[in-house]
């Protein structure tokens, strides 16, 4: 989201393009802005589909140029190239996968209708439209199916597949039925041969208590595919994982993706927070040691957050984080080969850095802007790209349902959180 102090000069620039472009060409850092002005009209339709005005399109694309090379976390260079000007990567990616989160599937029922009525009558609400899930989720899954057919390696659902936990007030039996129907729908669209790894969020915890046992039973019904040590993709780089654990590691070439269970030890959801237990921390330490010895770079995926995203007032320190996050971060700080940590939970696209690690959150697939994320890994860079679910009417409906000033801009996120290139070789200990 562009800062207010950046918008005024952008507006002036938009009104006096030739003069400003002449000045900008003298500054190599901002030179591409002229070209972006010429291309803004071509992208206006795309921005309109995301609920943004053409004026916002110009501001967003100029902010994209001003934001590139702004972040230099630790020993790793992060830089953003505008789509129109970025050069293609050298060769095909070594690894390509999807991350999506917060689908909040809830089948039609009187309980769901009553919840929607309460939300509509509340003085303050968000833009989550769970009654659109029966339309939005199949559209998302069809896009993922096309992604799989294009040669992608796997997908990760980063949590909150359904509407359990405490805030939706769903009945236990309906929660369990919704889990089974979600899994059935996913299998009918994606099949059972392409790997989809599921991680739990706080809304995957049984509303009547019992932790994620019901979620595990539904999501791990085909245990040979994702809930034991046999990895359907890459190779089994973690012989300690078995069907009683959710966290696991998947490996390919010089990369290791560590999928963490942020509901570890939580029996009932009261405030949305996450936790990484002592046993899982020991497993994570062993994985980091093993990946360092194997000269592998690491990507983490989990539901709740480890670091504060930019901006004030839109995340809750008591609900949106892993409660022992400082313990996790202290462990990560001992290693310099952790490149990226991917999260859901907060229904917004954001990017932050700490200790040389890039922390990225992905917007909800069920709330404006209804995004999922493509992760493409190359020898010396990771490219992150957001894609919108092809549900424009429901996206606009979700956008219009949220009355909070500026909140939709936060959900959409800045350009840097939607398309970023992370250099993984510059000044690193080893190259791959």
Protein backbone atom coordinates (compact mmCIF):
# COMPACT_ATOMS: atom_id res chain seq x y z
CA UNK A 1 0.00 0.00 0.00
CA UNK A 2 1.65 3.28 -1.05
CA UNK A 3 2.34 5.67 1.77
CA UNK A 4 0.42 8.94 1.76
CA UNK A 5 3.63 10.93 1.38
CA UNK A 6 4.33 9.08 -1.87
CA UNK A 7 0.91 9.69 -3.40
CA UNK A 8 1.12 13.47 -3.74
CA UNK A 9 4.18 13.50 -5.99
CA UNK A 10 2.69 10.63 -7.96
CA UNK A 11 -0.46 12.64 -8.61
CA UNK A 12 1.66 15.57 -9.78
CA UNK A 13 3.64 13.26 -12.00
CA UNK A 14 0.46 11.90 -13.57
CA UNK A 15 -0.68 15.42 -14.47
CA UNK A 16 2.64 16.42 -16.06
CA UNK A 17 3.94 13.26 -17.64
CA UNK A 18 6.29 14.60 -20.33
CA UNK A 19 8.12 16.98 -17.98
CA UNK A 20 8.33 14.45 -15.18
CA UNK A 21 9.41 11.67 -17.50
CA UNK A 22 12.23 13.85 -18.78
CA UNK A 23 13.45 14.33 -15.23
CA UNK A 24 12.96 10.72 -14.35
CA UNK A 25 15.05 9.57 -17.27
CA UNK A 26 17.96 11.39 -15.65
CA UNK A 27 17.58 9.10 -12.67
CA UNK A 28 18.25 5.49 -13.62
CA UNK A 29 16.51 4.26 -10.51
CA UNK A 30 13.12 5.63 -11.61
CA UNK A 31 13.56 5.58 -15.37
CA UNK A 32 11.00 2.81 -16.05
CA UNK A 33 8.17 4.97 -14.65
CA UNK A 34 7.64 6.66 -18.05
CA UNK A 35 7.04 3.33 -19.69
CA UNK A 36 4.67 2.36 -16.91
CA UNK A 37 2.60 5.49 -17.57
CA UNK A 38 2.27 4.51 -21.22
CA UNK A 39 1.16 1.01 -20.20
CA UNK A 40 -1.25 2.01 -17.43
CA UNK A 41 -4.28 2.09 -19.72
CA UNK A 42 -3.58 -1.45 -20.91
CA UNK A 43 -3.77 -2.68 -17.31
CA UNK A 44 -6.80 -0.61 -16.25
CA UNK A 45 -9.21 -3.44 -17.06
CA UNK A 46 -7.24 -5.84 -14.90
CA UNK A 47 -7.21 -3.39 -12.01
CA UNK A 48 -10.94 -2.77 -12.44
CA UNK A 49 -11.51 -6.52 -12.14
CA UNK A 50 -9.72 -6.31 -8.80
CA UNK A 51 -11.93 -3.43 -7.75
CA UNK A 52 -9.38 -0.64 -8.27
CA UNK A 53 -9.71 2.60 -10.17
CA UNK A 54 -7.45 3.62 -13.06
CA UNK A 55 -5.96 6.31 -10.80
CA UNK A 56 -5.01 3.60 -8.33
CA UNK A 57 -3.53 1.62 -11.23
CA UNK A 58 -1.12 4.48 -12.02
CA UNK A 59 -0.27 4.96 -8.35
CA UNK A 60 0.27 1.26 -7.77
CA UNK A 61 2.57 0.81 -10.76
CA UNK A 62 4.62 3.87 -9.92
CA UNK A 63 4.89 2.62 -6.35
CA UNK A 64 6.14 -0.66 -7.79
CA UNK A 65 9.06 1.13 -9.42
CA UNK A 66 9.79 3.23 -6.33
CA UNK A 67 9.70 0.09 -4.18
CA UNK A 68 12.20 -2.02 -6.06
CA UNK A 69 15.52 -2.65 -4.32
CA UNK A 70 14.12 -1.03 -1.17
CA UNK A 71 14.52 -4.06 1.08
CA UNK A 72 17.91 -5.61 1.76
CA UNK A 73 17.34 -8.18 4.51
CA UNK A 74 20.47 -9.51 6.08
CA UNK A 75 22.77 -11.07 3.52
CA UNK A 76 20.13 -11.54 0.83
CA UNK A 77 19.19 -8.93 -1.75
CA UNK A 78 15.48 -8.50 -2.38
CA UNK A 79 14.44 -6.53 -5.41
CA UNK A 80 11.26 -5.99 -7.32
CA UNK A 81 11.09 -5.78 -11.09
CA UNK A 82 7.89 -4.53 -12.76
CA UNK A 83 6.26 -7.29 -14.80
CA UNK A 84 6.57 -5.20 -17.95
CA UNK A 85 10.32 -4.79 -17.55
CA UNK A 86 11.52 -7.92 -15.80
CA UNK A 87 13.78 -10.16 -17.80
CA UNK A 88 12.86 -13.83 -18.06
CA UNK A 89 14.62 -16.23 -15.75
CA UNK A 90 17.36 -18.44 -17.12
CA UNK A 91 15.73 -21.72 -18.02
CA UNK A 92 12.76 -23.48 -16.42
CA UNK A 93 12.26 -23.33 -12.65
CA UNK A 94 13.80 -26.02 -10.50
CA UNK A 95 10.66 -26.09 -8.41
CA UNK A 96 7.20 -24.61 -8.92
CA UNK A 97 4.32 -24.86 -6.49
CA UNK A 98 1.14 -23.08 -5.36
CA UNK A 99 0.25 -21.76 -1.92
CA UNK A 100 -3.35 -20.93 -1.07
CA UNK A 101 -5.02 -20.31 2.24
CA UNK A 102 -8.19 -19.44 4.15
CA UNK A 103 -10.72 -20.99 1.78
CA UNK A 104 -13.28 -21.05 4.63
CA UNK A 105 -15.54 -23.57 2.95
CA UNK A 106 -18.98 -23.93 4.56
CA UNK A 107 -21.78 -25.86 2.90
CA UNK A 108 -25.25 -24.37 2.74
CA UNK A 109 -27.09 -24.75 6.04
CA UNK A 110 -29.38 -22.90 8.43
CA UNK A 111 -26.38 -22.31 10.73
CA UNK A 112 -24.45 -20.66 7.93
CA UNK A 113 -27.43 -18.47 7.01
CA UNK A 114 -27.87 -17.40 10.63
CA UNK A 115 -24.18 -16.53 10.88
CA UNK A 116 -24.34 -14.44 7.70
CA UNK A 117 -27.34 -12.53 9.07
CA UNK A 118 -25.50 -11.74 12.29
CA UNK A 119 -22.46 -10.54 10.37
CA UNK A 120 -24.58 -8.35 8.08
CA UNK A 121 -26.21 -6.70 11.10
CA UNK A 122 -22.94 -6.03 12.91
CA UNK A 123 -21.69 -2.40 12.99
CA UNK A 124 -18.24 -3.51 11.83
CA UNK A 125 -17.52 -6.53 9.66
CA UNK A 126 -14.94 -7.89 7.27
CA UNK A 127 -15.40 -8.91 3.64
CA UNK A 128 -15.50 -12.67 4.09
CA UNK A 129 -18.46 -14.09 2.16
CA UNK A 130 -18.65 -17.74 3.23
CA UNK A 131 -21.97 -18.19 1.43
CA UNK A 132 -20.05 -17.80 -1.85
CA UNK A 133 -17.72 -20.70 -1.05
CA UNK A 134 -19.72 -23.18 -3.12
CA UNK A 135 -18.97 -21.02 -6.16
CA UNK A 136 -15.48 -19.76 -5.34
CA UNK A 137 -13.79 -22.96 -4.17
CA UNK A 138 -14.51 -24.99 -7.35
CA UNK A 139 -13.21 -22.08 -9.45
CA UNK A 140 -10.01 -21.98 -7.39
CA UNK A 141 -9.56 -25.73 -7.69
CA UNK A 142 -10.01 -25.61 -11.47
CA UNK A 143 -7.28 -22.96 -11.68
CA UNK A 144 -5.03 -25.17 -9.58
CA UNK A 145 -5.84 -28.10 -11.84
CA UNK A 146 -4.66 -26.07 -14.85
CA UNK A 147 -1.58 -25.10 -12.84
CA UNK A 148 -0.86 -28.77 -12.19
CA UNK A 149 -1.35 -29.61 -15.87
CA UNK A 150 1.23 -26.94 -16.77
CA UNK A 151 3.88 -28.98 -14.97
CA UNK A 152 3.73 -27.55 -11.44
CA UNK A 153 5.09 -29.82 -8.73
CA UNK A 154 2.57 -29.54 -5.90
CA UNK A 155 0.30 -27.24 -3.87
CA UNK A 156 0.14 -26.30 -0.20
CA UNK A 157 -3.05 -25.29 1.56
CA UNK A 158 -1.76 -23.10 4.38
CA UNK A 159 -4.74 -23.49 6.70
CA UNK A 160 -8.34 -22.56 7.49
CA UNK A 161 -9.85 -24.85 4.89
CA UNK A 162 -13.22 -24.61 6.66
CA UNK A 163 -15.02 -22.59 9.34
CA UNK A 164 -14.33 -24.32 12.63
CA UNK A 165 -12.67 -22.81 15.65
CA UNK A 166 -14.53 -20.42 17.88
CA UNK A 167 -15.65 -17.38 15.88
CA UNK A 168 -18.05 -19.01 13.39
CA UNK A 169 -20.07 -20.83 16.07
CA UNK A 170 -20.41 -23.88 13.83
CA UNK A 171 -21.82 -27.08 15.26
CA UNK A 172 -19.46 -30.02 15.63
CA UNK A 173 -21.35 -32.38 13.34
CA UNK A 174 -21.64 -29.77 10.62
CA UNK A 175 -17.92 -29.02 10.92
CA UNK A 176 -17.04 -32.68 10.38
CA UNK A 177 -19.43 -32.97 7.42
CA UNK A 178 -17.98 -29.83 5.83
CA UNK A 179 -14.45 -31.24 6.17
CA UNK A 180 -15.44 -34.43 4.33
CA UNK A 181 -17.24 -32.50 1.60
CA UNK A 182 -14.28 -30.16 1.16
CA UNK A 183 -11.91 -33.10 0.75
CA UNK A 184 -14.27 -34.83 -1.66
CA UNK A 185 -14.61 -31.72 -3.81
CA UNK A 186 -10.84 -31.21 -3.88
CA UNK A 187 -10.21 -34.80 -4.93
CA UNK A 188 -12.90 -34.64 -7.63
CA UNK A 189 -11.22 -31.63 -9.27
CA UNK A 190 -7.52 -32.22 -8.59
CA UNK A 191 -7.53 -36.00 -8.52
CA UNK A 192 -5.35 -37.98 -6.14
CA UNK A 193 -2.04 -38.17 -8.00
CA UNK A 194 -0.98 -34.49 -7.85
CA UNK A 195 0.28 -33.71 -4.33
CA UNK A 196 -1.67 -31.25 -2.21
CA UNK A 197 -0.18 -30.76 1.25
CA UNK A 198 -2.58 -29.53 3.93
CA UNK A 199 -1.59 -27.52 6.97
CA UNK A 200 -4.12 -26.69 9.69
CA UNK A 201 -5.17 -23.23 10.80
CA UNK A 202 -7.11 -22.19 13.87
CA UNK A 203 -10.41 -22.58 12.00
CA UNK A 204 -9.54 -26.21 11.26
CA UNK A 205 -9.71 -26.94 15.01
CA UNK A 206 -12.91 -28.69 16.09
CA UNK A 207 -15.39 -26.13 17.48
CA UNK A 208 -16.24 -28.49 20.33
CA UNK A 209 -12.61 -29.18 21.24
CA UNK A 210 -10.36 -32.05 20.35
CA UNK A 211 -7.81 -30.11 18.36
CA UNK A 212 -7.28 -31.10 14.73
CA UNK A 213 -8.20 -34.79 15.05
CA UNK A 214 -11.32 -34.46 12.88
CA UNK A 215 -9.41 -32.31 10.38
CA UNK A 216 -6.64 -34.91 10.25
CA UNK A 217 -9.11 -37.74 9.70
CA UNK A 218 -10.68 -35.95 6.73
CA UNK A 219 -7.59 -34.43 5.14
CA UNK A 220 -5.43 -37.52 5.66
CA UNK A 221 -7.97 -40.06 4.47
CA UNK A 222 -5.52 -41.11 1.76
CA UNK A 223 -2.61 -41.60 4.13
CA UNK A 224 -0.21 -42.89 1.50
CA UNK A 225 -0.49 -39.61 -0.36
CA UNK A 226 0.33 -36.99 2.23
CA UNK A 227 0.19 -38.16 5.83
CA UNK A 228 3.08 -40.56 6.14
CA UNK A 229 6.78 -40.46 5.43
CA UNK A 230 6.43 -41.55 1.80
CA UNK A 231 6.59 -38.35 -0.21
CA UNK A 232 4.55 -38.35 -3.41
CA UNK A 233 6.78 -35.66 -4.89
CA UNK A 234 10.52 -35.17 -4.72
CA UNK A 235 11.86 -37.69 -2.23
CA UNK A 236 11.44 -38.56 1.41
CA UNK A 237 13.97 -36.34 3.14
CA UNK A 238 12.42 -36.82 6.56
CA UNK A 239 12.32 -40.36 7.85
CA UNK A 240 10.93 -39.28 11.24
CA UNK A 241 7.53 -38.14 9.95
CA UNK A 242 4.64 -40.51 10.45
CA UNK A 243 0.85 -40.35 10.30
CA UNK A 244 0.54 -38.83 13.78
CA UNK A 245 2.38 -35.65 12.81
CA UNK A 246 1.30 -32.92 10.43
CA UNK A 247 4.62 -31.17 9.97
CA UNK A 248 6.87 -32.58 7.26
CA UNK A 249 9.64 -31.83 4.77
CA UNK A 250 9.63 -32.15 1.00
CA UNK A 251 12.82 -31.91 -1.01
CA UNK A 252 13.88 -31.23 -4.57
CA UNK A 253 17.45 -30.75 -5.70
CA UNK A 254 18.99 -27.94 -3.65
CA UNK A 255 15.78 -26.90 -1.91
CA UNK A 256 13.88 -28.12 1.13
CA UNK A 257 10.31 -26.98 1.92
CA UNK A 258 9.39 -27.34 5.59
CA UNK A 259 5.66 -27.45 6.32
CA UNK A 260 4.94 -26.55 9.95
CA UNK A 261 1.91 -27.25 12.13
CA UNK A 262 1.00 -23.96 13.83
CA UNK A 263 -1.84 -25.61 15.81
CA UNK A 264 0.63 -27.83 17.65
CA UNK A 265 -0.80 -28.78 21.05
CA UNK A 266 -3.84 -26.47 20.79
CA UNK A 267 -6.98 -28.38 21.82
CA UNK A 268 -9.51 -25.58 21.26
CA UNK A 269 -9.41 -22.24 19.46
CA UNK A 270 -10.14 -19.27 21.69
CA UNK A 271 -8.22 -16.38 20.16
CA UNK A 272 -6.72 -17.46 16.81
CA UNK A 273 -3.12 -17.69 18.00
CA UNK A 274 -0.79 -20.48 16.92
CA UNK A 275 1.92 -22.52 18.62
CA UNK A 276 4.96 -24.60 17.67
CA UNK A 277 5.59 -27.27 20.31
CA UNK A 278 8.91 -28.41 21.73
CA UNK A 279 8.99 -31.67 19.77
CA UNK A 280 8.30 -29.87 16.51
CA UNK A 281 10.98 -27.29 17.34
CA UNK A 282 13.44 -30.13 17.79
CA UNK A 283 12.38 -31.56 14.43
CA UNK A 284 12.79 -28.12 12.84
CA UNK A 285 16.28 -27.79 14.29
CA UNK A 286 17.22 -31.19 12.88
CA UNK A 287 15.82 -30.24 9.48
CA UNK A 288 17.78 -26.99 9.42
CA UNK A 289 20.96 -28.83 10.36
CA UNK A 290 20.37 -31.48 7.70
CA UNK A 291 19.55 -28.97 4.99
CA UNK A 292 22.63 -26.90 5.83
CA UNK A 293 24.80 -30.02 5.60
CA UNK A 294 23.18 -30.89 2.26
CA UNK A 295 23.73 -27.31 1.03
CA UNK A 296 19.99 -26.82 0.55
CA UNK A 297 18.08 -23.55 0.84
CA UNK A 298 14.90 -23.63 2.94
CA UNK A 299 11.36 -22.36 2.47
CA UNK A 300 8.95 -22.48 5.42
CA UNK A 301 5.14 -22.62 5.25
CA UNK A 302 2.77 -22.24 8.22
CA UNK A 303 -0.56 -20.60 9.02
CA UNK A 304 -0.09 -17.89 11.67
CA UNK A 305 2.58 -15.19 11.54
CA UNK A 306 6.10 -15.01 12.90
CA UNK A 307 6.83 -11.31 12.29
CA UNK A 308 4.84 -8.08 12.22
CA UNK A 309 3.85 -7.01 8.68
CA UNK A 310 4.26 -3.34 7.69
CA UNK A 311 1.53 -0.95 8.76
CA UNK A 312 -0.22 -0.27 12.04
CA UNK A 313 -3.53 -1.41 13.43
CA UNK A 314 -4.51 -4.21 11.07
CA UNK A 315 -2.99 -7.22 12.85
CA UNK A 316 -3.77 -8.26 16.40
CA UNK A 317 -0.74 -9.24 18.50
CA UNK A 318 -2.92 -11.53 20.64
CA UNK A 319 -4.60 -13.39 17.75
CA UNK A 320 -2.50 -13.35 14.60
CA UNK A 321 0.88 -14.72 15.68
CA UNK A 322 2.48 -17.93 16.83
CA UNK A 323 2.63 -17.33 20.58
CA UNK A 324 6.21 -18.61 20.94
CA UNK A 325 7.37 -16.92 17.76
CA UNK A 326 10.46 -15.38 19.38
CA UNK A 327 11.63 -18.89 20.21
CA UNK A 328 11.12 -19.92 16.57
CA UNK A 329 12.82 -16.79 15.26
CA UNK A 330 15.79 -17.30 17.59
CA UNK A 331 16.22 -20.75 16.09
CA UNK A 332 16.02 -19.44 12.53
CA UNK A 333 18.58 -16.74 13.36
CA UNK A 334 21.21 -19.44 13.85
CA UNK A 335 21.10 -20.31 10.12
CA UNK A 336 21.72 -18.28 6.96
CA UNK A 337 20.13 -20.62 4.40
CA UNK A 338 16.46 -19.98 5.29
CA UNK A 339 15.22 -17.82 2.42
CA UNK A 340 11.47 -17.48 2.70
CA UNK A 341 8.56 -18.04 5.11
CA UNK A 342 5.01 -18.17 3.73
CA UNK A 343 1.87 -17.59 5.82
CA UNK A 344 -1.91 -17.14 5.63
CA UNK A 345 -4.32 -16.26 8.45
CA UNK A 346 -4.51 -12.45 8.11
CA UNK A 347 -6.32 -12.43 4.71
CA UNK A 348 -3.88 -9.95 3.18
CA UNK A 349 -0.82 -9.82 0.94
CA UNK A 350 2.15 -8.44 2.85
CA UNK A 351 5.93 -8.71 2.92
CA UNK A 352 8.42 -8.15 5.74
CA UNK A 353 12.00 -9.14 6.50
CA UNK A 354 13.90 -10.12 9.59
CA UNK A 355 17.35 -11.61 9.97
CA UNK A 356 17.79 -12.26 6.27
CA UNK A 357 14.47 -14.12 5.89
CA UNK A 358 11.60 -12.84 3.74
CA UNK A 359 8.19 -13.25 5.42
CA UNK A 360 5.19 -13.18 3.09
CA UNK A 361 1.47 -13.48 3.84
CA UNK A 362 -1.07 -14.44 1.20
CA UNK A 363 -4.62 -13.08 0.97
CA UNK A 364 -7.62 -15.30 1.57
CA UNK A 365 -8.97 -17.25 -1.39
CA UNK A 366 -12.47 -16.54 -0.05
CA UNK A 367 -12.23 -12.79 0.62
CA UNK A 368 -11.20 -9.83 -1.54
CA UNK A 369 -8.88 -9.91 -3.46
CA UNK A 370 -9.32 -13.75 -3.54
CA UNK A 371 -5.72 -14.59 -4.35
CA UNK A 372 -3.50 -17.64 -4.47
CA UNK A 373 0.25 -17.53 -4.90
CA UNK A 374 2.64 -19.14 -7.36
CA UNK A 375 6.17 -19.84 -6.12
CA UNK A 376 8.81 -20.42 -8.79
CA UNK A 377 12.30 -21.38 -7.62
CA UNK A 378 15.33 -20.95 -9.88
CA UNK A 379 19.02 -21.47 -9.27
CA UNK A 380 19.60 -18.01 -7.82
CA UNK A 381 16.16 -16.52 -7.28
CA UNK A 382 12.64 -17.15 -6.05
CA UNK A 383 9.76 -15.47 -7.85
CA UNK A 384 6.43 -14.96 -6.09
CA UNK A 385 3.34 -14.09 -8.12
CA UNK A 386 -0.26 -13.69 -6.97
CA UNK A 387 -3.19 -14.88 -9.07
CA UNK A 388 -6.85 -13.94 -8.57
CA UNK A 389 -9.55 -16.57 -8.41
CA UNK A 390 -11.70 -16.19 -11.51
CA UNK A 391 -14.77 -15.01 -9.60
CA UNK A 392 -15.08 -11.28 -10.41
CA UNK A 393 -18.64 -10.83 -9.15
CA UNK A 394 -17.92 -12.43 -5.80
CA UNK A 395 -14.66 -10.50 -5.53
CA UNK A 396 -16.50 -7.20 -5.98
CA UNK A 397 -19.18 -8.34 -3.55
CA UNK A 398 -16.53 -9.12 -0.94
CA UNK A 399 -14.79 -5.80 -1.55
CA UNK A 400 -18.03 -3.85 -1.11
CA UNK A 401 -19.01 -5.78 2.03
CA UNK A 402 -16.07 -4.42 4.04
CA UNK A 403 -16.79 -0.84 5.20
CA UNK A 404 -13.48 -0.26 6.98
CA UNK A 405 -11.55 2.62 5.47
CA UNK A 406 -8.47 1.45 3.56
CA UNK A 407 -8.87 -2.19 4.55
CA UNK A 408 -9.27 -3.46 0.97
CA UNK A 409 -6.01 -1.76 0.03
CA UNK A 410 -4.33 -3.60 2.90
CA UNK A 411 -5.77 -6.91 1.71
CA UNK A 412 -4.60 -6.33 -1.84
CA UNK A 413 -1.20 -5.31 -0.52
CA UNK A 414 1.59 -3.34 -2.15
CA UNK A 415 3.14 -4.41 -5.42
CA UNK A 416 6.15 -5.73 -3.56
CA UNK A 417 3.91 -8.26 -1.78
CA UNK A 418 2.26 -9.38 -5.02
CA UNK A 419 5.27 -9.80 -7.28
CA UNK A 420 8.73 -10.07 -5.82
CA UNK A 421 12.02 -11.54 -6.96
CA UNK A 422 14.28 -12.75 -4.14
CA UNK A 423 17.93 -13.16 -4.98
CA UNK A 424 19.18 -16.25 -3.14
CA UNK A 425 22.81 -16.25 -4.29
CA UNK A 426 24.14 -12.74 -3.62
CA UNK A 427 26.54 -12.82 -0.70
CA UNK A 428 25.24 -16.21 0.39
CA UNK A 429 27.44 -18.91 1.79
CA UNK A 430 26.97 -21.18 -1.19
CA UNK A 431 25.48 -21.23 -4.65
CA UNK A 432 23.27 -23.97 -6.02
